[in-house]
């Protein structure tokens, strides 16, 4: 006698998750950004080739795009900050105190 074995079930197949796509591309203007084709769940930085501007375009799972634009602005290098030591401050403070004493004596 042979034993009864239930039929084998096919393994569940999961849909592969599409990785987020990130890259930098160049465009000519805003209309080029609007027509730039992208896969769902992806993001791209689009650099304007004609002006100092860039765009971010992000698509959600259904392929709906959100576009934001940013202007480049040149910045100056930050100057190092200079601090006064406590000793230097006390010396300065005593100098001011002497000046105030002299001006009070002159008024009298």
PDB file of N, CA and C in Angstrom:
ATOM      1  N   UNK A   1       0.826  -1.158   0.000  1.00  0.00           N
ATOM      2  CA  UNK A   1       0.000   0.000   0.000  1.00  0.00           C
ATOM      3  C   UNK A   1       0.888   1.245   0.000  1.00  0.00           C
ATOM      4  N   UNK A   2       0.367   2.140  -0.726  1.00  0.00           N
ATOM      5  CA  UNK A   2       1.073   3.402  -0.845  1.00  0.00           C
ATOM      6  C   UNK A   2       0.369   4.471  -0.031  1.00  0.00           C
ATOM      7  N   UNK A   3       1.130   5.347   0.603  1.00  0.00           N
ATOM      8  CA  UNK A   3       0.554   6.434   1.393  1.00  0.00           C
ATOM      9  C   UNK A   3       0.063   7.557   0.486  1.00  0.00           C
ATOM     10  N   UNK A   4      -0.858   8.306   0.988  1.00  0.00           N
ATOM     11  CA  UNK A   4      -1.408   9.425   0.223  1.00  0.00           C
ATOM     12  C   UNK A   4      -0.636  10.686   0.577  1.00  0.00           C
ATOM     13  N   UNK A   5      -0.134  11.380  -0.444  1.00  0.00           N
ATOM     14  CA  UNK A   5       0.577  12.638  -0.256  1.00  0.00           C
ATOM     15  C   UNK A   5      -0.254  13.761  -0.861  1.00  0.00           C
ATOM     16  N   UNK A   6      -0.443  14.870  -0.121  1.00  0.00           N
ATOM     17  CA  UNK A   6      -1.210  15.988  -0.693  1.00  0.00           C
ATOM     18  C   UNK A   6      -0.420  16.628  -1.835  1.00  0.00           C
ATOM     19  N   UNK A   7      -1.121  17.208  -2.784  1.00  0.00           N
ATOM     20  CA  UNK A   7      -0.408  17.840  -3.911  1.00  0.00           C
ATOM     21  C   UNK A   7       0.480  18.983  -3.407  1.00  0.00           C
ATOM     22  N   UNK A   8       1.592  19.158  -4.063  1.00  0.00           N
ATOM     23  CA  UNK A   8       2.518  20.213  -3.668  1.00  0.00           C
ATOM     24  C   UNK A   8       1.983  21.559  -4.141  1.00  0.00           C
ATOM     25  N   UNK A   9       2.158  22.572  -3.281  1.00  0.00           N
ATOM     26  CA  UNK A   9       1.723  23.920  -3.644  1.00  0.00           C
ATOM     27  C   UNK A   9       2.876  24.647  -4.319  1.00  0.00           C
ATOM     28  N   UNK A  10       2.508  25.462  -5.278  1.00  0.00           N
ATOM     29  CA  UNK A  10       3.522  26.270  -5.956  1.00  0.00           C
ATOM     30  C   UNK A  10       4.025  27.333  -4.969  1.00  0.00           C
ATOM     31  N   UNK A  11       5.316  27.596  -4.948  1.00  0.00           N
ATOM     32  CA  UNK A  11       5.829  28.618  -4.027  1.00  0.00           C
ATOM     33  C   UNK A  11       5.287  29.999  -4.407  1.00  0.00           C
ATOM     34  N   UNK A  12       5.074  30.807  -3.377  1.00  0.00           N
ATOM     35  CA  UNK A  12       4.595  32.165  -3.627  1.00  0.00           C
ATOM     36  C   UNK A  12       5.705  32.972  -4.283  1.00  0.00           C
ATOM     37  N   UNK A  13       5.317  33.719  -5.299  1.00  0.00           N
ATOM     38  CA  UNK A  13       6.291  34.553  -6.010  1.00  0.00           C
ATOM     39  C   UNK A  13       6.059  35.991  -5.582  1.00  0.00           C
ATOM     40  N   UNK A  14       7.079  36.598  -5.004  1.00  0.00           N
ATOM     41  CA  UNK A  14       6.963  37.986  -4.594  1.00  0.00           C
ATOM     42  C   UNK A  14       7.390  38.887  -5.739  1.00  0.00           C
ATOM     43  N   UNK A  15       6.677  40.005  -5.847  1.00  0.00           N
ATOM     44  CA  UNK A  15       7.073  41.007  -6.830  1.00  0.00           C
ATOM     45  C   UNK A  15       8.380  41.632  -6.354  1.00  0.00           C
ATOM     46  N   UNK A  16       9.367  41.734  -7.225  1.00  0.00           N
ATOM     47  CA  UNK A  16      10.612  42.358  -6.784  1.00  0.00           C
ATOM     48  C   UNK A  16      10.382  43.837  -6.477  1.00  0.00           C
ATOM     49  N   UNK A  17      11.010  44.313  -5.417  1.00  0.00           N
ATOM     50  CA  UNK A  17      10.901  45.716  -5.054  1.00  0.00           C
ATOM     51  C   UNK A  17      11.908  46.477  -5.898  1.00  0.00           C
ATOM     52  N   UNK A  18      11.393  47.465  -6.612  1.00  0.00           N
ATOM     53  CA  UNK A  18      12.280  48.239  -7.475  1.00  0.00           C
ATOM     54  C   UNK A  18      13.099  49.177  -6.613  1.00  0.00           C
ATOM     55  N   UNK A  19      14.415  49.133  -6.744  1.00  0.00           N
ATOM     56  CA  UNK A  19      15.235  50.046  -5.946  1.00  0.00           C
ATOM     57  C   UNK A  19      15.022  51.483  -6.390  1.00  0.00           C
ATOM     58  N   UNK A  20      15.186  52.413  -5.440  1.00  0.00           N
ATOM     59  CA  UNK A  20      15.059  53.821  -5.788  1.00  0.00           C
ATOM     60  C   UNK A  20      16.197  54.201  -6.708  1.00  0.00           C
ATOM     61  N   UNK A  21      15.847  54.878  -7.763  1.00  0.00           N
ATOM     62  CA  UNK A  21      16.828  55.296  -8.747  1.00  0.00           C
ATOM     63  C   UNK A  21      17.218  56.730  -8.455  1.00  0.00           C
ATOM     64  N   UNK A  22      18.515  56.991  -8.330  1.00  0.00           N
ATOM     65  CA  UNK A  22      18.981  58.341  -8.089  1.00  0.00           C
ATOM     66  C   UNK A  22      20.108  58.644  -9.060  1.00  0.00           C
ATOM     67  N   UNK A  23      20.028  59.818  -9.672  1.00  0.00           N
ATOM     68  CA  UNK A  23      21.053  60.211 -10.622  1.00  0.00           C
ATOM     69  C   UNK A  23      20.979  61.716 -10.859  1.00  0.00           C
ATOM     70  N   UNK A  24      21.951  62.241 -11.606  1.00  0.00           N
ATOM     71  CA  UNK A  24      21.957  63.654 -11.994  1.00  0.00           C
ATOM     72  C   UNK A  24      21.920  63.719 -13.509  1.00  0.00           C
ATOM     73  N   UNK A  25      20.987  64.503 -14.031  1.00  0.00           N
ATOM     74  CA  UNK A  25      20.826  64.675 -15.475  1.00  0.00           C
ATOM     75  C   UNK A  25      20.807  66.170 -15.785  1.00  0.00           C
ATOM     76  N   UNK A  26      21.093  66.532 -17.025  1.00  0.00           N
ATOM     77  CA  UNK A  26      21.038  67.925 -17.466  1.00  0.00           C
ATOM     78  C   UNK A  26      19.818  68.143 -18.349  1.00  0.00           C
ATOM     79  N   UNK A  27      19.151  69.295 -18.171  1.00  0.00           N
ATOM     80  CA  UNK A  27      17.986  69.674 -18.970  1.00  0.00           C
ATOM     81  C   UNK A  27      18.189  71.099 -19.475  1.00  0.00           C
ATOM     82  N   UNK A  28      17.366  71.508 -20.450  1.00  0.00           N
ATOM     83  CA  UNK A  28      17.486  72.851 -21.020  1.00  0.00           C
ATOM     84  C   UNK A  28      16.623  73.886 -20.313  1.00  0.00           C
ATOM     85  N   UNK A  29      15.454  73.463 -19.779  1.00  0.00           N
ATOM     86  CA  UNK A  29      14.551  74.401 -19.124  1.00  0.00           C
ATOM     87  C   UNK A  29      13.501  73.636 -18.336  1.00  0.00           C
ATOM     88  N   UNK A  30      12.552  74.362 -17.752  1.00  0.00           N
ATOM     89  CA  UNK A  30      11.523  73.747 -16.904  1.00  0.00           C
ATOM     90  C   UNK A  30      10.640  72.787 -17.695  1.00  0.00           C
ATOM     91  N   UNK A  31      10.349  73.097 -18.937  1.00  0.00           N
ATOM     92  CA  UNK A  31       9.493  72.195 -19.718  1.00  0.00           C
ATOM     93  C   UNK A  31      10.179  70.849 -19.940  1.00  0.00           C
ATOM     94  N   UNK A  32      11.503  70.854 -20.009  1.00  0.00           N
ATOM     95  CA  UNK A  32      12.239  69.595 -20.135  1.00  0.00           C
ATOM     96  C   UNK A  32      12.117  68.770 -18.860  1.00  0.00           C
ATOM     97  N   UNK A  33      12.018  69.443 -17.725  1.00  0.00           N
ATOM     98  CA  UNK A  33      11.842  68.741 -16.445  1.00  0.00           C
ATOM     99  C   UNK A  33      10.479  68.060 -16.427  1.00  0.00           C
ATOM    100  N   UNK A  34       9.449  68.786 -16.867  1.00  0.00           N
ATOM    101  CA  UNK A  34       8.096  68.235 -16.872  1.00  0.00           C
ATOM    102  C   UNK A  34       7.986  66.988 -17.735  1.00  0.00           C
ATOM    103  N   UNK A  35       8.684  66.971 -18.852  1.00  0.00           N
ATOM    104  CA  UNK A  35       8.568  65.837 -19.780  1.00  0.00           C
ATOM    105  C   UNK A  35       9.602  64.741 -19.524  1.00  0.00           C
ATOM    106  N   UNK A  36      10.505  64.944 -18.565  1.00  0.00           N
ATOM    107  CA  UNK A  36      11.526  63.944 -18.255  1.00  0.00           C
ATOM    108  C   UNK A  36      10.843  62.688 -17.707  1.00  0.00           C
ATOM    109  N   UNK A  37      11.048  61.554 -18.357  1.00  0.00           N
ATOM    110  CA  UNK A  37      10.396  60.297 -17.991  1.00  0.00           C
ATOM    111  C   UNK A  37      11.144  59.590 -16.869  1.00  0.00           C
ATOM    112  N   UNK A  38      10.366  59.100 -15.892  1.00  0.00           N
ATOM    113  CA  UNK A  38      10.949  58.393 -14.756  1.00  0.00           C
ATOM    114  C   UNK A  38      10.088  57.205 -14.384  1.00  0.00           C
ATOM    115  N   UNK A  39      10.738  56.216 -13.790  1.00  0.00           N
ATOM    116  CA  UNK A  39      10.020  55.059 -13.266  1.00  0.00           C
ATOM    117  C   UNK A  39       9.375  55.430 -11.934  1.00  0.00           C
ATOM    118  N   UNK A  40       8.329  54.709 -11.516  1.00  0.00           N
ATOM    119  CA  UNK A  40       7.748  54.955 -10.195  1.00  0.00           C
ATOM    120  C   UNK A  40       8.799  54.728  -9.097  1.00  0.00           C
ATOM    121  N   UNK A  41       8.611  55.392  -7.957  1.00  0.00           N
ATOM    122  CA  UNK A  41       9.505  55.275  -6.800  1.00  0.00           C
ATOM    123  C   UNK A  41      10.948  55.632  -7.132  1.00  0.00           C
ATOM    124  N   UNK A  42      11.138  56.729  -7.818  1.00  0.00           N
ATOM    125  CA  UNK A  42      12.502  57.130  -8.139  1.00  0.00           C
ATOM    126  C   UNK A  42      12.660  58.630  -7.948  1.00  0.00           C
ATOM    127  N   UNK A  43      13.897  59.064  -7.894  1.00  0.00           N
ATOM    128  CA  UNK A  43      14.174  60.491  -7.751  1.00  0.00           C
ATOM    129  C   UNK A  43      15.372  60.840  -8.606  1.00  0.00           C
ATOM    130  N   UNK A  44      15.408  62.092  -9.040  1.00  0.00           N
ATOM    131  CA  UNK A  44      16.487  62.535  -9.904  1.00  0.00           C
ATOM    132  C   UNK A  44      16.757  64.011  -9.631  1.00  0.00           C
ATOM    133  N   UNK A  45      18.006  64.406  -9.798  1.00  0.00           N
ATOM    134  CA  UNK A  45      18.373  65.812  -9.750  1.00  0.00           C
ATOM    135  C   UNK A  45      18.622  66.237 -11.185  1.00  0.00           C
ATOM    136  N   UNK A  46      17.906  67.261 -11.610  1.00  0.00           N
ATOM    137  CA  UNK A  46      18.012  67.755 -12.980  1.00  0.00           C
ATOM    138  C   UNK A  46      18.673  69.124 -12.955  1.00  0.00           C
ATOM    139  N   UNK A  47      19.839  69.223 -13.554  1.00  0.00           N
ATOM    140  CA  UNK A  47      20.594  70.470 -13.598  1.00  0.00           C
ATOM    141  C   UNK A  47      20.208  71.240 -14.853  1.00  0.00           C
ATOM    142  N   UNK A  48      19.876  72.516 -14.693  1.00  0.00           N
ATOM    143  CA  UNK A  48      19.568  73.353 -15.846  1.00  0.00           C
ATOM    144  C   UNK A  48      20.878  73.749 -16.518  1.00  0.00           C
ATOM    145  N   UNK A  49      20.997  73.453 -17.796  1.00  0.00           N
ATOM    146  CA  UNK A  49      22.238  73.716 -18.523  1.00  0.00           C
ATOM    147  C   UNK A  49      22.399  75.192 -18.884  1.00  0.00           C
ATOM    148  N   UNK A  50      21.334  75.990 -18.771  1.00  0.00           N
ATOM    149  CA  UNK A  50      21.385  77.376 -19.226  1.00  0.00           C
ATOM    150  C   UNK A  50      21.455  78.412 -18.108  1.00  0.00           C
ATOM    151  N   UNK A  51      20.926  78.096 -16.950  1.00  0.00           N
ATOM    152  CA  UNK A  51      20.944  79.039 -15.830  1.00  0.00           C
ATOM    153  C   UNK A  51      21.383  78.316 -14.560  1.00  0.00           C
ATOM    154  N   UNK A  52      21.669  79.085 -13.515  1.00  0.00           N
ATOM    155  CA  UNK A  52      22.127  78.508 -12.246  1.00  0.00           C
ATOM    156  C   UNK A  52      20.938  78.003 -11.435  1.00  0.00           C
ATOM    157  N   UNK A  53      20.337  76.929 -11.884  1.00  0.00           N
ATOM    158  CA  UNK A  53      19.158  76.362 -11.235  1.00  0.00           C
ATOM    159  C   UNK A  53      19.209  74.847 -11.357  1.00  0.00           C
ATOM    160  N   UNK A  54      18.661  74.182 -10.346  1.00  0.00           N
ATOM    161  CA  UNK A  54      18.490  72.738 -10.455  1.00  0.00           C
ATOM    162  C   UNK A  54      17.116  72.356  -9.932  1.00  0.00           C
ATOM    163  N   UNK A  55      16.665  71.190 -10.327  1.00  0.00           N
ATOM    164  CA  UNK A  55      15.336  70.703  -9.986  1.00  0.00           C
ATOM    165  C   UNK A  55      15.462  69.325  -9.353  1.00  0.00           C
ATOM    166  N   UNK A  56      14.568  69.023  -8.419  1.00  0.00           N
ATOM    167  CA  UNK A  56      14.443  67.651  -7.931  1.00  0.00           C
ATOM    168  C   UNK A  56      13.091  67.144  -8.408  1.00  0.00           C
ATOM    169  N   UNK A  57      13.090  65.971  -8.958  1.00  0.00           N
ATOM    170  CA  UNK A  57      11.845  65.348  -9.420  1.00  0.00           C
ATOM    171  C   UNK A  57      11.764  63.989  -8.754  1.00  0.00           C
ATOM    172  N   UNK A  58      10.686  63.770  -8.017  1.00  0.00           N
ATOM    173  CA  UNK A  58      10.496  62.536  -7.264  1.00  0.00           C
ATOM    174  C   UNK A  58       9.160  61.939  -7.663  1.00  0.00           C
ATOM    175  N   UNK A  59       9.151  60.651  -7.957  1.00  0.00           N
ATOM    176  CA  UNK A  59       7.893  59.979  -8.299  1.00  0.00           C
ATOM    177  C   UNK A  59       7.513  59.019  -7.178  1.00  0.00           C
ATOM    178  N   UNK A  60       6.209  58.930  -6.922  1.00  0.00           N
ATOM    179  CA  UNK A  60       5.731  57.997  -5.907  1.00  0.00           C
ATOM    180  C   UNK A  60       5.431  56.642  -6.549  1.00  0.00           C
ATOM    181  N   UNK A  61       4.844  55.738  -5.780  1.00  0.00           N
ATOM    182  CA  UNK A  61       4.589  54.377  -6.266  1.00  0.00           C
ATOM    183  C   UNK A  61       3.673  54.342  -7.481  1.00  0.00           C
ATOM    184  N   UNK A  62       2.781  55.332  -7.611  1.00  0.00           N
ATOM    185  CA  UNK A  62       1.878  55.350  -8.761  1.00  0.00           C
ATOM    186  C   UNK A  62       2.436  56.162  -9.927  1.00  0.00           C
ATOM    187  N   UNK A  63       3.648  56.701  -9.782  1.00  0.00           N
ATOM    188  CA  UNK A  63       4.277  57.435 -10.870  1.00  0.00           C
ATOM    189  C   UNK A  63       3.974  58.922 -10.883  1.00  0.00           C
ATOM    190  N   UNK A  64       3.248  59.430  -9.867  1.00  0.00           N
ATOM    191  CA  UNK A  64       2.936  60.850  -9.781  1.00  0.00           C
ATOM    192  C   UNK A  64       4.202  61.593  -9.360  1.00  0.00           C
ATOM    193  N   UNK A  65       4.555  62.645 -10.112  1.00  0.00           N
ATOM    194  CA  UNK A  65       5.805  63.368  -9.872  1.00  0.00           C
ATOM    195  C   UNK A  65       5.591  64.633  -9.048  1.00  0.00           C
ATOM    196  N   UNK A  66       6.567  64.922  -8.199  1.00  0.00           N
ATOM    197  CA  UNK A  66       6.647  66.174  -7.460  1.00  0.00           C
ATOM    198  C   UNK A  66       7.941  66.843  -7.885  1.00  0.00           C
ATOM    199  N   UNK A  67       7.842  68.107  -8.313  1.00  0.00           N
ATOM    200  CA  UNK A  67       9.015  68.833  -8.811  1.00  0.00           C
ATOM    201  C   UNK A  67       9.247  70.061  -7.938  1.00  0.00           C
ATOM    202  N   UNK A  68      10.496  70.266  -7.538  1.00  0.00           N
ATOM    203  CA  UNK A  68      10.893  71.465  -6.796  1.00  0.00           C
ATOM    204  C   UNK A  68      12.095  72.068  -7.505  1.00  0.00           C
ATOM    205  N   UNK A  69      12.169  73.406  -7.520  1.00  0.00           N
ATOM    206  CA  UNK A  69      13.299  74.073  -8.164  1.00  0.00           C
ATOM    207  C   UNK A  69      14.075  74.886  -7.144  1.00  0.00           C
ATOM    208  N   UNK A  70      15.388  74.984  -7.365  1.00  0.00           N
ATOM    209  CA  UNK A  70      16.297  75.693  -6.459  1.00  0.00           C
ATOM    210  C   UNK A  70      17.272  76.505  -7.294  1.00  0.00           C
ATOM    211  N   UNK A  71      17.601  77.698  -6.826  1.00  0.00           N
ATOM    212  CA  UNK A  71      18.594  78.533  -7.499  1.00  0.00           C
ATOM    213  C   UNK A  71      19.932  78.400  -6.780  1.00  0.00           C
ATOM    214  N   UNK A  72      20.999  78.330  -7.567  1.00  0.00           N
ATOM    215  CA  UNK A  72      22.342  78.339  -7.004  1.00  0.00           C
ATOM    216  C   UNK A  72      22.713  79.760  -6.650  1.00  0.00           C
ATOM    217  N   UNK A  73      23.458  79.924  -5.586  1.00  0.00           N
ATOM    218  CA  UNK A  73      23.946  81.225  -5.187  1.00  0.00           C
ATOM    219  C   UNK A  73      25.358  81.022  -4.656  1.00  0.00           C
ATOM    220  N   UNK A  74      26.299  81.788  -5.193  1.00  0.00           N
ATOM    221  CA  UNK A  74      27.673  81.652  -4.747  1.00  0.00           C
ATOM    222  C   UNK A  74      27.796  82.196  -3.332  1.00  0.00           C
ATOM    223  N   UNK A  75      28.517  81.480  -2.514  1.00  0.00           N
ATOM    224  CA  UNK A  75      28.720  81.917  -1.140  1.00  0.00           C
ATOM    225  C   UNK A  75      30.179  82.272  -0.921  1.00  0.00           C
ATOM    226  N   UNK A  76      30.404  83.178   0.007  1.00  0.00           N
ATOM    227  CA  UNK A  76      31.770  83.541   0.350  1.00  0.00           C
ATOM    228  C   UNK A  76      32.255  82.599   1.451  1.00  0.00           C
ATOM    229  N   UNK A  77      33.558  82.402   1.473  1.00  0.00           N
ATOM    230  CA  UNK A  77      34.133  81.556   2.510  1.00  0.00           C
ATOM    231  C   UNK A  77      33.911  82.227   3.865  1.00  0.00           C
ATOM    232  N   UNK A  78      33.581  81.419   4.846  1.00  0.00           N
ATOM    233  CA  UNK A  78      33.356  81.962   6.180  1.00  0.00           C
ATOM    234  C   UNK A  78      34.679  82.386   6.796  1.00  0.00           C
ATOM    235  N   UNK A  79      34.640  83.542   7.431  1.00  0.00           N
ATOM    236  CA  UNK A  79      35.838  84.033   8.105  1.00  0.00           C
ATOM    237  C   UNK A  79      35.946  83.334   9.452  1.00  0.00           C
ATOM    238  N   UNK A  80      37.168  83.026   9.859  1.00  0.00           N
ATOM    239  CA  UNK A  80      37.309  82.382  11.172  1.00  0.00           C
ATOM    240  C   UNK A  80      36.870  83.331  12.276  1.00  0.00           C
ATOM    241  N   UNK A  81      36.239  82.791  13.292  1.00  0.00           N
ATOM    242  CA  UNK A  81      35.774  83.599  14.411  1.00  0.00           C
ATOM    243  C   UNK A  81      36.935  83.833  15.366  1.00  0.00           C
ATOM    244  N   UNK A  82      36.995  85.061  15.873  1.00  0.00           N
ATOM    245  CA  UNK A  82      38.049  85.399  16.820  1.00  0.00           C
ATOM    246  C   UNK A  82      37.410  85.633  18.183  1.00  0.00           C
ATOM    247  N   UNK A  83      38.050  85.098  19.207  1.00  0.00           N
ATOM    248  CA  UNK A  83      37.536  85.211  20.557  1.00  0.00           C
ATOM    249  C   UNK A  83      38.558  85.901  21.447  1.00  0.00           C
ATOM    250  N   UNK A  84      38.054  86.561  22.468  1.00  0.00           N
ATOM    251  CA  UNK A  84      38.897  87.222  23.455  1.00  0.00           C
ATOM    252  C   UNK A  84      39.031  86.286  24.647  1.00  0.00           C
ATOM    253  N   UNK A  85      40.248  86.158  25.158  1.00  0.00           N
ATOM    254  CA  UNK A  85      40.440  85.332  26.354  1.00  0.00           C
ATOM    255  C   UNK A  85      39.913  86.087  27.563  1.00  0.00           C
ATOM    256  N   UNK A  86      39.693  85.370  28.636  1.00  0.00           N
ATOM    257  CA  UNK A  86      39.197  86.003  29.863  1.00  0.00           C
ATOM    258  C   UNK A  86      40.209  87.031  30.367  1.00  0.00           C
ATOM    259  N   UNK A  87      41.473  86.697  30.275  1.00  0.00           N
ATOM    260  CA  UNK A  87      42.525  87.614  30.723  1.00  0.00           C
ATOM    261  C   UNK A  87      42.505  88.914  29.909  1.00  0.00           C
ATOM    262  N   UNK A  88      42.349  88.782  28.591  1.00  0.00           N
ATOM    263  CA  UNK A  88      42.277  89.972  27.738  1.00  0.00           C
ATOM    264  C   UNK A  88      41.048  90.817  28.066  1.00  0.00           C
ATOM    265  N   UNK A  89      39.946  90.158  28.362  1.00  0.00           N
ATOM    266  CA  UNK A  89      38.713  90.878  28.700  1.00  0.00           C
ATOM    267  C   UNK A  89      38.870  91.628  30.014  1.00  0.00           C
ATOM    268  N   UNK A  90      39.462  90.993  31.005  1.00  0.00           N
ATOM    269  CA  UNK A  90      39.667  91.649  32.300  1.00  0.00           C
ATOM    270  C   UNK A  90      40.577  92.868  32.150  1.00  0.00           C
ATOM    271  N   UNK A  91      41.613  92.743  31.315  1.00  0.00           N
ATOM    272  CA  UNK A  91      42.506  93.868  31.067  1.00  0.00           C
ATOM    273  C   UNK A  91      41.743  95.011  30.406  1.00  0.00           C
ATOM    274  N   UNK A  92      40.920  94.699  29.436  1.00  0.00           N
ATOM    275  CA  UNK A  92      40.112  95.702  28.743  1.00  0.00           C
ATOM    276  C   UNK A  92      39.124  96.356  29.703  1.00  0.00           C
ATOM    277  N   UNK A  93      38.514  95.532  30.542  1.00  0.00           N
ATOM    278  CA  UNK A  93      37.537  96.038  31.499  1.00  0.00           C
ATOM    279  C   UNK A  93      38.198  97.014  32.481  1.00  0.00           C
ATOM    280  N   UNK A  94      39.389  96.683  32.952  1.00  0.00           N
ATOM    281  CA  UNK A  94      40.076  97.588  33.885  1.00  0.00           C
ATOM    282  C   UNK A  94      40.489  98.883  33.179  1.00  0.00           C
ATOM    283  N   UNK A  95      40.803  98.798  31.891  1.00  0.00           N
ATOM    284  CA  UNK A  95      41.125 100.000  31.120  1.00  0.00           C
ATOM    285  C   UNK A  95      39.910 100.920  31.043  1.00  0.00           C
ATOM    286  N   UNK A  96      38.738 100.327  30.802  1.00  0.00           N
ATOM    287  CA  UNK A  96      37.506 101.122  30.735  1.00  0.00           C
ATOM    288  C   UNK A  96      37.189 101.736  32.088  1.00  0.00           C
ATOM    289  N   UNK A  97      37.429 100.973  33.142  1.00  0.00           N
ATOM    290  CA  UNK A  97      37.149 101.477  34.481  1.00  0.00           C
ATOM    291  C   UNK A  97      38.015 102.703  34.764  1.00  0.00           C
ATOM    292  N   UNK A  98      39.288 102.659  34.335  1.00  0.00           N
ATOM    293  CA  UNK A  98      40.178 103.798  34.514  1.00  0.00           C
ATOM    294  C   UNK A  98      39.715 105.000  33.716  1.00  0.00           C
ATOM    295  N   UNK A  99      39.213 104.789  32.512  1.00  0.00           N
ATOM    296  CA  UNK A  99      38.714 105.888  31.672  1.00  0.00           C
ATOM    297  C   UNK A  99      37.498 106.511  32.317  1.00  0.00           C
ATOM    298  N   UNK A 100      36.580 105.692  32.833  1.00  0.00           N
ATOM    299  CA  UNK A 100      35.382 106.210  33.503  1.00  0.00           C
ATOM    300  C   UNK A 100      35.753 107.008  34.744  1.00  0.00           C
ATOM    301  N   UNK A 101      36.736 106.533  35.507  1.00  0.00           N
ATOM    302  CA  UNK A 101      37.163 107.265  36.724  1.00  0.00           C
ATOM    303  C   UNK A 101      37.732 108.625  36.349  1.00  0.00           C
ATOM    304  N   UNK A 102      38.525 108.681  35.282  1.00  0.00           N
ATOM    305  CA  UNK A 102      39.131 109.950  34.861  1.00  0.00           C
ATOM    306  C   UNK A 102      38.068 110.941  34.389  1.00  0.00           C
ATOM    307  N   UNK A 103      37.048 110.439  33.643  1.00  0.00           N
ATOM    308  CA  UNK A 103      36.011 111.351  33.146  1.00  0.00           C
ATOM    309  C   UNK A 103      35.149 111.856  34.293  1.00  0.00           C
ATOM    310  N   UNK A 104      34.943 111.045  35.335  1.00  0.00           N
ATOM    311  CA  UNK A 104      34.164 111.490  36.495  1.00  0.00           C
ATOM    312  C   UNK A 104      34.939 112.556  37.287  1.00  0.00           C
ATOM    313  N   UNK A 105      36.267 112.413  37.394  1.00  0.00           N
ATOM    314  CA  UNK A 105      37.095 113.398  38.114  1.00  0.00           C
ATOM    315  C   UNK A 105      37.153 114.709  37.352  1.00  0.00           C
ATOM    316  N   UNK A 106      37.129 114.639  36.019  1.00  0.00           N
ATOM    317  CA  UNK A 106      37.219 115.858  35.199  1.00  0.00           C
ATOM    318  C   UNK A 106      35.947 116.692  35.326  1.00  0.00           C
ATOM    319  N   UNK A 107      34.793 116.026  35.496  1.00  0.00           N
ATOM    320  CA  UNK A 107      33.517 116.722  35.617  1.00  0.00           C
ATOM    321  C   UNK A 107      33.367 117.431  36.959  1.00  0.00           C
ATOM    322  N   UNK A 108      34.066 116.995  37.974  1.00  0.00           N
ATOM    323  CA  UNK A 108      33.908 117.538  39.322  1.00  0.00           C
ATOM    324  C   UNK A 108      34.562 118.848  39.537  1.00  0.00           C
TER     325      UNK A 108
END
